Amino acid sequence: MPRIGFLGPHATFTEQALRSLPESRDAELVPLAGSPAVLAAVREGSVDAGCVPIENSVEGAVPPVLDGLVDDPPLVIVKEALVAVRFTLLVRPGTTRQDIRTVASHPHGIAQTRGWIAANLPDAEMRTCSSTSEGAAQVARGEVDAAVSSPLAATQHCLDVLADDIADNPGAVTRFVLLTRPSKPAPPTGRDRTTLAARTENRPGSLLELLTELGMRGIDLTRIESRPIKDRHAEYWFHLDCSGHVAEPAMGEALAALHRRCDVVRFLGSYPRATGTAGAAAGGTSPAPGPGAEEYAAAERWLADLRDGVRT
């Protein structure tokens, strides 16, 4: 039976995302304390895969996950899942709003309910913890008065829902990824995402050159984030999500070009894009596609003829 680690304890949004993936069926789901612990468990082999949040539509990327993805040994993303986040205020039975002096949650949970808390619990002290469900567990243990958490955590920890749907942005969506140790990517599906990280020389135009390698091949860049390199001042990792698959000519050629141009390129996986909630969250229209496999093959044949003197 495969073992899959996830950001625990039980009843987190991460567990909800993991259970939506087919890989969770017939697997042992292992709750771990914090996303760095999940990544470490995958690297050391105590679990076969790990599920962590990587991006929220309101708060953006999850920094510890981005930083952990460029550590060694390498990891790759093999699947993603999207969860529409619904926050509730959980308390021990009998607690009233007037009793609440402390509220715990994951930093993203606090950030996404800050307006509601300011309006309804203006004197409450906010405390951060490793996950929304851990906040609920702290309430159950009597360490805090309330938690911003998922509805599932109320059942898990025998708590009452004092207020429901308290998010400042009700349409918020969080993207979760399933990570494994490196292996051959699954074949392209036609609706894939490739994730990578790159470091470039600190000189004018270096980032533009990186982006140009993608744009000139018609590759849609859907996300870019910069994260500081911890032991180097004013130098950064650039994290990118692109539409396409490493097995496709345009993406393969772009990755090879980035390998030539950049100091370091870390391939973080080609995998199917999540559907359903993703479409509702993304909005807008898709860009016009760039050259396809047939166009790349024709260009290769033309170049070969030039080299052989067959045509000019």
C-alpha atoms as a PDB file:
ATOM      1  CA  MET A   1       0.000   0.000   0.000  1.00  0.00           C
ATOM      2  CA  PRO A   2       1.500   3.380  -0.994  1.00  0.00           C
ATOM      3  CA  ARG A   3       1.913   6.020   1.710  1.00  0.00           C
ATOM      4  CA  ILE A   4       1.057   9.645   0.915  1.00  0.00           C
ATOM      5  CA  GLY A   5       1.976  12.420   3.323  1.00  0.00           C
ATOM      6  CA  PHE A   6      -0.069  15.611   3.573  1.00  0.00           C
ATOM      7  CA  LEU A   7      -0.186  18.834   5.553  1.00  0.00           C
ATOM      8  CA  GLY A   8      -1.973  17.678   8.694  1.00  0.00           C
ATOM      9  CA  PRO A   9      -3.544  17.007  11.037  1.00  0.00           C
ATOM     10  CA  HIS A  10      -6.667  15.357   9.625  1.00  0.00           C
ATOM     11  CA  ALA A  11      -9.488  17.535   8.258  1.00  0.00           C
ATOM     12  CA  THR A  12      -7.245  20.137   6.598  1.00  0.00           C
ATOM     13  CA  PHE A  13      -8.012  21.568   3.181  1.00  0.00           C
ATOM     14  CA  THR A  14      -4.923  19.664   2.020  1.00  0.00           C
ATOM     15  CA  GLU A  15      -6.491  16.345   3.004  1.00  0.00           C
ATOM     16  CA  GLN A  16      -9.649  17.400   1.165  1.00  0.00           C
ATOM     17  CA  ALA A  17      -7.581  18.106  -1.959  1.00  0.00           C
ATOM     18  CA  LEU A  18      -5.660  14.842  -1.645  1.00  0.00           C
ATOM     19  CA  ARG A  19      -8.836  12.785  -1.343  1.00  0.00           C
ATOM     20  CA  SER A  20     -10.043  14.268  -4.639  1.00  0.00           C
ATOM     21  CA  LEU A  21      -7.092  12.638  -6.462  1.00  0.00           C
ATOM     22  CA  PRO A  22      -7.247   9.014  -7.629  1.00  0.00           C
ATOM     23  CA  GLU A  23      -3.821   8.370  -6.094  1.00  0.00           C
ATOM     24  CA  SER A  24      -5.390   8.578  -2.624  1.00  0.00           C
ATOM     25  CA  ARG A  25      -7.536   5.495  -3.202  1.00  0.00           C
ATOM     26  CA  ASP A  26      -6.091   2.395  -1.540  1.00  0.00           C
ATOM     27  CA  ALA A  27      -3.279   4.535  -0.078  1.00  0.00           C
ATOM     28  CA  GLU A  28      -2.358   5.200   3.525  1.00  0.00           C
ATOM     29  CA  LEU A  29      -2.746   8.929   4.136  1.00  0.00           C
ATOM     30  CA  VAL A  30      -0.154  10.212   6.605  1.00  0.00           C
ATOM     31  CA  PRO A  31      -0.712  13.614   8.305  1.00  0.00           C
ATOM     32  CA  LEU A  32       2.501  15.585   8.893  1.00  0.00           C
ATOM     33  CA  ALA A  33       3.185  18.805  10.777  1.00  0.00           C
ATOM     34  CA  GLY A  34       3.838  21.456   8.145  1.00  0.00           C
ATOM     35  CA  SER A  35       4.615  21.555   4.435  1.00  0.00           C
ATOM     36  CA  PRO A  36       8.423  21.365   4.961  1.00  0.00           C
ATOM     37  CA  ALA A  37       7.879  18.100   6.854  1.00  0.00           C
ATOM     38  CA  VAL A  38       5.890  16.708   3.919  1.00  0.00           C
ATOM     39  CA  LEU A  39       8.644  17.570   1.440  1.00  0.00           C
ATOM     40  CA  ALA A  40      11.294  16.098   3.747  1.00  0.00           C
ATOM     41  CA  ALA A  41       9.332  12.854   4.135  1.00  0.00           C
ATOM     42  CA  VAL A  42       9.104  12.437   0.351  1.00  0.00           C
ATOM     43  CA  ARG A  43      12.808  13.109  -0.056  1.00  0.00           C
ATOM     44  CA  GLU A  44      13.853  10.606   2.604  1.00  0.00           C
ATOM     45  CA  GLY A  45      11.435   7.968   1.306  1.00  0.00           C
ATOM     46  CA  SER A  46       9.277   7.531   4.414  1.00  0.00           C
ATOM     47  CA  VAL A  47       6.286   8.332   2.163  1.00  0.00           C
ATOM     48  CA  ASP A  48       5.873   7.664  -1.547  1.00  0.00           C
ATOM     49  CA  ALA A  49       4.302  11.040  -2.331  1.00  0.00           C
ATOM     50  CA  GLY A  50       3.263  14.228  -0.587  1.00  0.00           C
ATOM     51  CA  CYS A  51       0.440  16.747  -0.971  1.00  0.00           C
ATOM     52  CA  VAL A  52       0.935  20.438  -0.101  1.00  0.00           C
ATOM     53  CA  PRO A  53      -0.677  23.786  -0.964  1.00  0.00           C
ATOM     54  CA  ILE A  54       1.299  25.836  -3.455  1.00  0.00           C
ATOM     55  CA  GLU A  55      -0.865  28.817  -4.426  1.00  0.00           C
ATOM     56  CA  ASN A  56      -3.981  30.680  -3.319  1.00  0.00           C
ATOM     57  CA  SER A  57      -6.037  32.927  -5.585  1.00  0.00           C
ATOM     58  CA  VAL A  58      -6.139  35.647  -2.893  1.00  0.00           C
ATOM     59  CA  GLU A  59      -2.800  35.442  -1.067  1.00  0.00           C
ATOM     60  CA  GLY A  60      -0.624  34.092  -3.879  1.00  0.00           C
ATOM     61  CA  ALA A  61       2.117  31.498  -3.505  1.00  0.00           C
ATOM     62  CA  VAL A  62       2.977  29.544  -0.360  1.00  0.00           C
ATOM     63  CA  PRO A  63       6.624  30.618   0.286  1.00  0.00           C
ATOM     64  CA  PRO A  64       7.815  27.570   2.292  1.00  0.00           C
ATOM     65  CA  VAL A  65       6.692  25.281  -0.526  1.00  0.00           C
ATOM     66  CA  LEU A  66       8.382  27.329  -3.259  1.00  0.00           C
ATOM     67  CA  ASP A  67      11.590  27.463  -1.227  1.00  0.00           C
ATOM     68  CA  GLY A  68      11.429  23.742  -0.479  1.00  0.00           C
ATOM     69  CA  LEU A  69      10.967  22.792  -4.134  1.00  0.00           C
ATOM     70  CA  VAL A  70      14.429  24.069  -5.083  1.00  0.00           C
ATOM     71  CA  ASP A  71      16.197  22.196  -2.288  1.00  0.00           C
ATOM     72  CA  ASP A  72      17.979  18.900  -2.885  1.00  0.00           C
ATOM     73  CA  PRO A  73      17.359  16.083  -3.549  1.00  0.00           C
ATOM     74  CA  PRO A  74      14.984  17.155  -6.335  1.00  0.00           C
ATOM     75  CA  LEU A  75      11.206  16.633  -6.279  1.00  0.00           C
ATOM     76  CA  VAL A  76       8.658  16.826  -9.109  1.00  0.00           C
ATOM     77  CA  ILE A  77       4.949  17.620  -9.300  1.00  0.00           C
ATOM     78  CA  VAL A  78       2.816  14.842 -10.817  1.00  0.00           C
ATOM     79  CA  LYS A  79      -0.747  16.079 -10.161  1.00  0.00           C
ATOM     80  CA  GLU A  80      -2.608  19.147  -8.980  1.00  0.00           C
ATOM     81  CA  ALA A  81      -5.993  19.746  -7.371  1.00  0.00           C
ATOM     82  CA  LEU A  82      -8.075  22.858  -6.755  1.00  0.00           C
ATOM     83  CA  VAL A  83     -10.260  23.396  -3.702  1.00  0.00           C
ATOM     84  CA  ALA A  84     -12.764  26.205  -3.227  1.00  0.00           C
ATOM     85  CA  VAL A  85     -11.880  27.337   0.290  1.00  0.00           C
ATOM     86  CA  ARG A  86     -14.736  27.786   2.789  1.00  0.00           C
ATOM     87  CA  PHE A  87     -13.799  29.102   6.229  1.00  0.00           C
ATOM     88  CA  THR A  88     -15.748  28.701   9.470  1.00  0.00           C
ATOM     89  CA  LEU A  89     -15.180  29.963  13.009  1.00  0.00           C
ATOM     90  CA  LEU A  90     -14.949  26.961  15.344  1.00  0.00           C
ATOM     91  CA  VAL A  91     -15.292  27.026  19.131  1.00  0.00           C
ATOM     92  CA  ARG A  92     -15.783  24.619  22.020  1.00  0.00           C
ATOM     93  CA  PRO A  93     -19.459  23.916  22.818  1.00  0.00           C
ATOM     94  CA  GLY A  94     -20.985  26.688  24.904  1.00  0.00           C
ATOM     95  CA  THR A  95     -18.532  29.389  23.778  1.00  0.00           C
ATOM     96  CA  THR A  96     -20.088  32.703  22.717  1.00  0.00           C
ATOM     97  CA  ARG A  97     -18.607  35.432  20.577  1.00  0.00           C
ATOM     98  CA  GLN A  98     -18.069  37.539  23.699  1.00  0.00           C
ATOM     99  CA  ASP A  99     -15.886  34.765  25.190  1.00  0.00           C
ATOM    100  CA  ILE A 100     -13.354  34.814  22.357  1.00  0.00           C
ATOM    101  CA  ARG A 101      -9.996  36.371  23.222  1.00  0.00           C
ATOM    102  CA  THR A 102      -7.689  34.290  20.987  1.00  0.00           C
ATOM    103  CA  VAL A 103      -8.133  32.917  17.446  1.00  0.00           C
ATOM    104  CA  ALA A 104      -5.731  30.499  15.719  1.00  0.00           C
ATOM    105  CA  SER A 105      -5.288  29.541  12.072  1.00  0.00           C
ATOM    106  CA  HIS A 106      -2.778  29.053   9.279  1.00  0.00           C
ATOM    107  CA  PRO A 107      -1.366  32.417   8.075  1.00  0.00           C
ATOM    108  CA  HIS A 108      -3.346  32.154   4.832  1.00  0.00           C
ATOM    109  CA  GLY A 109      -6.532  31.442   6.791  1.00  0.00           C
ATOM    110  CA  ILE A 110      -5.985  34.545   8.883  1.00  0.00           C
ATOM    111  CA  ALA A 111      -5.188  36.661   5.824  1.00  0.00           C
ATOM    112  CA  GLN A 112      -8.334  35.546   4.003  1.00  0.00           C
ATOM    113  CA  THR A 113     -10.648  36.331   6.942  1.00  0.00           C
ATOM    114  CA  ARG A 114      -8.922  39.443   8.292  1.00  0.00           C
ATOM    115  CA  GLY A 115     -11.794  41.765   7.420  1.00  0.00           C
ATOM    116  CA  TRP A 116     -14.443  39.559   9.039  1.00  0.00           C
ATOM    117  CA  ILE A 117     -12.363  39.146  12.187  1.00  0.00           C
ATOM    118  CA  ALA A 118     -11.703  42.884  12.444  1.00  0.00           C
ATOM    119  CA  ALA A 119     -15.421  43.605  12.155  1.00  0.00           C
ATOM    120  CA  ASN A 120     -16.680  40.845  14.451  1.00  0.00           C
ATOM    121  CA  LEU A 121     -13.797  40.086  16.849  1.00  0.00           C
ATOM    122  CA  PRO A 122     -11.870  43.369  16.994  1.00  0.00           C
ATOM    123  CA  ASP A 123     -10.217  42.623  20.354  1.00  0.00           C
ATOM    124  CA  ALA A 124      -9.186  39.028  19.619  1.00  0.00           C
ATOM    125  CA  GLU A 125      -5.503  38.102  19.446  1.00  0.00           C
ATOM    126  CA  MET A 126      -4.608  36.254  16.243  1.00  0.00           C
ATOM    127  CA  ARG A 127      -2.192  33.330  16.536  1.00  0.00           C
ATOM    128  CA  THR A 128      -0.633  31.493  13.603  1.00  0.00           C
ATOM    129  CA  CYS A 129      -0.160  27.728  13.435  1.00  0.00           C
ATOM    130  CA  SER A 130       0.937  25.114  10.894  1.00  0.00           C
ATOM    131  CA  SER A 131      -2.525  24.421   9.423  1.00  0.00           C
ATOM    132  CA  THR A 132      -6.168  25.406   9.783  1.00  0.00           C
ATOM    133  CA  SER A 133      -6.937  22.017  11.319  1.00  0.00           C
ATOM    134  CA  GLU A 134      -4.144  22.445  13.863  1.00  0.00           C
ATOM    135  CA  GLY A 135      -5.907  25.640  14.917  1.00  0.00           C
ATOM    136  CA  ALA A 136      -9.063  23.599  15.516  1.00  0.00           C
ATOM    137  CA  ALA A 137      -7.032  21.058  17.497  1.00  0.00           C
ATOM    138  CA  GLN A 138      -5.707  23.872  19.693  1.00  0.00           C
ATOM    139  CA  VAL A 139      -9.291  24.925  20.402  1.00  0.00           C
ATOM    140  CA  ALA A 140     -10.186  21.355  21.359  1.00  0.00           C
ATOM    141  CA  ARG A 141      -7.180  21.228  23.703  1.00  0.00           C
ATOM    142  CA  GLY A 142      -8.215  24.516  25.338  1.00  0.00           C
ATOM    143  CA  GLU A 143      -5.140  26.425  24.149  1.00  0.00           C
ATOM    144  CA  VAL A 144      -7.122  29.085  22.236  1.00  0.00           C
ATOM    145  CA  ASP A 145     -10.752  30.156  22.215  1.00  0.00           C
ATOM    146  CA  ALA A 146     -11.538  29.863  18.487  1.00  0.00           C
ATOM    147  CA  ALA A 147     -10.097  28.787  15.152  1.00  0.00           C
ATOM    148  CA  VAL A 148     -10.565  29.770  11.534  1.00  0.00           C
ATOM    149  CA  SER A 149     -10.780  26.373   9.875  1.00  0.00           C
ATOM    150  CA  SER A 150     -12.637  24.146   7.440  1.00  0.00           C
ATOM    151  CA  PRO A 151     -16.092  22.759   8.249  1.00  0.00           C
ATOM    152  CA  LEU A 152     -14.577  19.240   8.282  1.00  0.00           C
ATOM    153  CA  ALA A 153     -12.492  20.149  11.330  1.00  0.00           C
ATOM    154  CA  ALA A 154     -15.634  20.745  13.406  1.00  0.00           C
ATOM    155  CA  THR A 155     -16.575  17.068  13.159  1.00  0.00           C
ATOM    156  CA  GLN A 156     -12.977  15.891  13.541  1.00  0.00           C
ATOM    157  CA  HIS A 157     -12.455  17.816  16.796  1.00  0.00           C
ATOM    158  CA  CYS A 158     -16.050  17.858  18.180  1.00  0.00           C
ATOM    159  CA  LEU A 159     -16.367  21.639  17.920  1.00  0.00           C
ATOM    160  CA  ASP A 160     -19.267  23.985  17.202  1.00  0.00           C
ATOM    161  CA  VAL A 161     -19.515  26.237  14.156  1.00  0.00           C
ATOM    162  CA  LEU A 162     -20.045  29.715  15.576  1.00  0.00           C
ATOM    163  CA  ALA A 163     -19.986  31.454  12.178  1.00  0.00           C
ATOM    164  CA  ASP A 164     -19.936  30.051   8.642  1.00  0.00           C
ATOM    165  CA  ASP A 165     -18.583  31.354   5.310  1.00  0.00           C
ATOM    166  CA  ILE A 166     -16.470  34.068   6.914  1.00  0.00           C
ATOM    167  CA  ALA A 167     -13.952  34.549   4.100  1.00  0.00           C
ATOM    168  CA  ASP A 168     -13.480  38.105   2.860  1.00  0.00           C
ATOM    169  CA  ASN A 169     -13.311  36.740  -0.719  1.00  0.00           C
ATOM    170  CA  PRO A 170     -15.894  33.939  -1.047  1.00  0.00           C
ATOM    171  CA  GLY A 171     -14.565  32.836  -4.449  1.00  0.00           C
ATOM    172  CA  ALA A 172     -11.071  31.990  -3.163  1.00  0.00           C
ATOM    173  CA  VAL A 173      -9.451  28.845  -4.557  1.00  0.00           C
ATOM    174  CA  THR A 174      -6.288  27.098  -3.364  1.00  0.00           C
ATOM    175  CA  ARG A 175      -4.120  24.966  -5.654  1.00  0.00           C
ATOM    176  CA  PHE A 176      -2.511  21.861  -4.165  1.00  0.00           C
ATOM    177  CA  VAL A 177       0.176  19.692  -5.748  1.00  0.00           C
ATOM    178  CA  LEU A 178       1.135  16.049  -5.385  1.00  0.00           C
ATOM    179  CA  LEU A 179       4.923  15.578  -5.230  1.00  0.00           C
ATOM    180  CA  THR A 180       7.143  12.552  -5.739  1.00  0.00           C
ATOM    181  CA  ARG A 181      10.794  11.825  -6.239  1.00  0.00           C
ATOM    182  CA  PRO A 182      11.835  12.331  -9.908  1.00  0.00           C
ATOM    183  CA  SER A 183      10.477   9.891 -12.483  1.00  0.00           C
ATOM    184  CA  LYS A 184       9.480   9.954 -16.151  1.00  0.00           C
ATOM    185  CA  PRO A 185       6.500  12.299 -16.633  1.00  0.00           C
ATOM    186  CA  ALA A 186       3.176  10.823 -17.699  1.00  0.00           C
ATOM    187  CA  PRO A 187       2.411  11.311 -21.416  1.00  0.00           C
ATOM    188  CA  PRO A 188       0.930  14.641 -22.553  1.00  0.00           C
ATOM    189  CA  THR A 189      -2.833  15.050 -22.259  1.00  0.00           C
ATOM    190  CA  GLY A 190      -3.202  18.245 -24.304  1.00  0.00           C
ATOM    191  CA  ARG A 191      -4.105  20.250 -21.172  1.00  0.00           C
ATOM    192  CA  ASP A 192      -0.865  20.142 -19.232  1.00  0.00           C
ATOM    193  CA  ARG A 193       1.166  22.469 -17.035  1.00  0.00           C
ATOM    194  CA  THR A 194       4.936  22.559 -16.697  1.00  0.00           C
ATOM    195  CA  THR A 195       6.480  24.020 -13.546  1.00  0.00           C
ATOM    196  CA  LEU A 196      10.120  25.061 -13.310  1.00  0.00           C
ATOM    197  CA  ALA A 197      12.487  27.303 -11.365  1.00  0.00           C
ATOM    198  CA  ALA A 198      15.435  29.191 -12.792  1.00  0.00           C
ATOM    199  CA  ARG A 199      18.357  31.311 -11.595  1.00  0.00           C
ATOM    200  CA  THR A 200      19.874  33.859 -13.955  1.00  0.00           C
ATOM    201  CA  GLU A 201      22.959  36.035 -13.912  1.00  0.00           C
ATOM    202  CA  ASN A 202      22.283  39.324 -12.124  1.00  0.00           C
ATOM    203  CA  ARG A 203      22.629  41.698 -15.103  1.00  0.00           C
ATOM    204  CA  PRO A 204      20.269  43.946 -17.086  1.00  0.00           C
ATOM    205  CA  GLY A 205      17.954  42.011 -19.397  1.00  0.00           C
ATOM    206  CA  SER A 206      18.594  38.527 -18.033  1.00  0.00           C
ATOM    207  CA  LEU A 207      14.982  37.995 -16.902  1.00  0.00           C
ATOM    208  CA  LEU A 208      13.694  39.384 -20.208  1.00  0.00           C
ATOM    209  CA  GLU A 209      15.848  36.862 -22.067  1.00  0.00           C
ATOM    210  CA  LEU A 210      14.353  34.056 -19.991  1.00  0.00           C
ATOM    211  CA  LEU A 211      10.793  35.168 -20.732  1.00  0.00           C
ATOM    212  CA  THR A 212      11.570  35.713 -24.409  1.00  0.00           C
ATOM    213  CA  GLU A 213      12.558  32.052 -24.813  1.00  0.00           C
ATOM    214  CA  LEU A 214       9.020  31.131 -23.751  1.00  0.00           C
ATOM    215  CA  GLY A 215       7.139  33.864 -25.611  1.00  0.00           C
ATOM    216  CA  MET A 216       8.857  33.358 -28.955  1.00  0.00           C
ATOM    217  CA  ARG A 217       7.708  29.719 -28.920  1.00  0.00           C
ATOM    218  CA  GLY A 218       4.087  30.564 -28.133  1.00  0.00           C
ATOM    219  CA  ILE A 219       4.248  29.193 -24.575  1.00  0.00           C
ATOM    220  CA  ASP A 220       1.693  30.710 -22.201  1.00  0.00           C
ATOM    221  CA  LEU A 221       3.317  31.790 -18.933  1.00  0.00           C
ATOM    222  CA  THR A 222       0.555  31.479 -16.317  1.00  0.00           C
ATOM    223  CA  ARG A 223       2.505  32.351 -13.156  1.00  0.00           C
ATOM    224  CA  ILE A 224       5.847  33.845 -12.192  1.00  0.00           C
ATOM    225  CA  GLU A 225       7.129  34.376  -8.641  1.00  0.00           C
ATOM    226  CA  SER A 226      10.526  35.466  -7.348  1.00  0.00           C
ATOM    227  CA  ARG A 227      12.021  34.080  -4.141  1.00  0.00           C
ATOM    228  CA  PRO A 228      15.340  35.231  -2.645  1.00  0.00           C
ATOM    229  CA  ILE A 229      18.262  32.835  -2.642  1.00  0.00           C
ATOM    230  CA  LYS A 230      18.861  32.503   1.073  1.00  0.00           C
ATOM    231  CA  ASP A 231      22.644  32.832   1.099  1.00  0.00           C
ATOM    232  CA  ARG A 232      22.993  35.431  -1.672  1.00  0.00           C
ATOM    233  CA  HIS A 233      22.039  39.082  -1.430  1.00  0.00           C
ATOM    234  CA  ALA A 234      19.862  40.474  -4.264  1.00  0.00           C
ATOM    235  CA  GLU A 235      19.747  37.147  -6.158  1.00  0.00           C
ATOM    236  CA  TYR A 236      16.558  35.215  -6.795  1.00  0.00           C
ATOM    237  CA  TRP A 237      14.942  32.017  -7.930  1.00  0.00           C
ATOM    238  CA  PHE A 238      12.210  32.625 -10.517  1.00  0.00           C
ATOM    239  CA  HIS A 239       9.355  30.128 -10.246  1.00  0.00           C
ATOM    240  CA  LEU A 240       7.290  29.691 -13.400  1.00  0.00           C
ATOM    241  CA  ASP A 241       4.158  27.826 -14.461  1.00  0.00           C
ATOM    242  CA  CYS A 242       3.677  27.366 -18.202  1.00  0.00           C
ATOM    243  CA  SER A 243       1.032  25.756 -20.379  1.00  0.00           C
ATOM    244  CA  GLY A 244       2.430  22.688 -22.129  1.00  0.00           C
ATOM    245  CA  HIS A 245       4.391  19.485 -21.548  1.00  0.00           C
ATOM    246  CA  VAL A 246       8.106  18.701 -21.616  1.00  0.00           C
ATOM    247  CA  ALA A 247       7.467  16.009 -24.263  1.00  0.00           C
ATOM    248  CA  GLU A 248       6.073  18.600 -26.691  1.00  0.00           C
ATOM    249  CA  PRO A 249       8.521  20.221 -29.147  1.00  0.00           C
ATOM    250  CA  ALA A 250       7.944  23.853 -28.141  1.00  0.00           C
ATOM    251  CA  MET A 251       8.309  23.213 -24.413  1.00  0.00           C
ATOM    252  CA  GLY A 252      11.294  20.909 -24.868  1.00  0.00           C
ATOM    253  CA  GLU A 253      13.061  23.449 -27.059  1.00  0.00           C
ATOM    254  CA  ALA A 254      12.317  26.244 -24.585  1.00  0.00           C
ATOM    255  CA  LEU A 255      13.689  24.252 -21.652  1.00  0.00           C
ATOM    256  CA  ALA A 256      16.861  23.485 -23.601  1.00  0.00           C
ATOM    257  CA  ALA A 257      17.252  27.192 -24.406  1.00  0.00           C
ATOM    258  CA  LEU A 258      16.759  28.128 -20.747  1.00  0.00           C
ATOM    259  CA  HIS A 259      19.386  25.547 -19.792  1.00  0.00           C
ATOM    260  CA  ARG A 260      21.813  27.365 -22.086  1.00  0.00           C
ATOM    261  CA  ARG A 261      20.934  30.853 -20.824  1.00  0.00           C
ATOM    262  CA  CYS A 262      20.374  30.389 -17.087  1.00  0.00           C
ATOM    263  CA  ASP A 263      22.811  29.600 -14.297  1.00  0.00           C
ATOM    264  CA  VAL A 264      20.485  26.832 -13.033  1.00  0.00           C
ATOM    265  CA  VAL A 265      17.170  25.436 -14.292  1.00  0.00           C
ATOM    266  CA  ARG A 266      15.180  23.094 -12.040  1.00  0.00           C
ATOM    267  CA  PHE A 267      12.467  21.113 -13.870  1.00  0.00           C
ATOM    268  CA  LEU A 268       9.629  20.639 -11.371  1.00  0.00           C
ATOM    269  CA  GLY A 269       7.269  18.535 -13.455  1.00  0.00           C
ATOM    270  CA  SER A 270       4.830  18.339 -16.368  1.00  0.00           C
ATOM    271  CA  TYR A 271       1.361  17.218 -15.283  1.00  0.00           C
ATOM    272  CA  PRO A 272      -2.342  17.587 -16.162  1.00  0.00           C
ATOM    273  CA  ARG A 273      -3.974  20.894 -15.240  1.00  0.00           C
ATOM    274  CA  ALA A 274      -6.832  20.581 -12.777  1.00  0.00           C
ATOM    275  CA  THR A 275     -10.285  21.183 -14.246  1.00  0.00           C
ATOM    276  CA  GLY A 276     -13.645  22.243 -12.822  1.00  0.00           C
ATOM    277  CA  THR A 277     -12.924  24.795 -10.129  1.00  0.00           C
ATOM    278  CA  ALA A 278      -9.846  25.896 -12.025  1.00  0.00           C
ATOM    279  CA  GLY A 279     -11.868  27.152 -14.974  1.00  0.00           C
ATOM    280  CA  ALA A 280     -14.178  29.148 -12.762  1.00  0.00           C
ATOM    281  CA  ALA A 281     -11.273  30.693 -10.884  1.00  0.00           C
ATOM    282  CA  ALA A 282      -9.092  31.511 -13.859  1.00  0.00           C
ATOM    283  CA  GLY A 283     -11.573  33.452 -16.004  1.00  0.00           C
ATOM    284  CA  GLY A 284     -10.552  35.300 -19.141  1.00  0.00           C
ATOM    285  CA  THR A 285      -9.667  33.723 -22.464  1.00  0.00           C
ATOM    286  CA  SER A 286      -6.808  31.456 -23.487  1.00  0.00           C
ATOM    287  CA  PRO A 287      -4.047  32.933 -25.643  1.00  0.00           C
ATOM    288  CA  ALA A 288      -3.686  31.895 -29.254  1.00  0.00           C
ATOM    289  CA  PRO A 289      -1.615  28.692 -29.486  1.00  0.00           C
ATOM    290  CA  GLY A 290       1.928  28.820 -30.756  1.00  0.00           C
ATOM    291  CA  PRO A 291       3.443  26.451 -33.336  1.00  0.00           C
ATOM    292  CA  GLY A 292       2.416  22.830 -32.880  1.00  0.00           C
ATOM    293  CA  ALA A 293       4.267  19.554 -33.352  1.00  0.00           C
ATOM    294  CA  GLU A 294       3.685  19.502 -37.133  1.00  0.00           C
ATOM    295  CA  GLU A 295       5.153  22.979 -37.571  1.00  0.00           C
ATOM    296  CA  TYR A 296       8.224  22.030 -35.517  1.00  0.00           C
ATOM    297  CA  ALA A 297       8.698  18.820 -37.519  1.00  0.00           C
ATOM    298  CA  ALA A 298       8.429  20.701 -40.813  1.00  0.00           C
ATOM    299  CA  ALA A 299      10.989  23.258 -39.618  1.00  0.00           C
ATOM    300  CA  GLU A 300      13.373  20.441 -38.604  1.00  0.00           C
ATOM    301  CA  ARG A 301      13.045  18.847 -42.059  1.00  0.00           C
ATOM    302  CA  TRP A 302      13.669  22.221 -43.731  1.00  0.00           C
ATOM    303  CA  LEU A 303      16.785  22.779 -41.601  1.00  0.00           C
ATOM    304  CA  ALA A 304      18.077  19.287 -42.377  1.00  0.00           C
ATOM    305  CA  ASP A 305      17.663  19.972 -46.123  1.00  0.00           C
ATOM    306  CA  LEU A 306      19.604  23.225 -45.748  1.00  0.00           C
ATOM    307  CA  ARG A 307      22.451  21.408 -44.036  1.00  0.00           C
ATOM    308  CA  ASP A 308      22.460  18.727 -46.744  1.00  0.00           C
ATOM    309  CA  GLY A 309      22.470  21.302 -49.568  1.00  0.00           C
ATOM    310  CA  VAL A 310      19.114  20.094 -50.892  1.00  0.00           C
ATOM    311  CA  ARG A 311      17.503  23.560 -50.757  1.00  0.00           C
ATOM    312  CA  THR A 312      18.400  27.140 -50.020  1.00  0.00           C
END
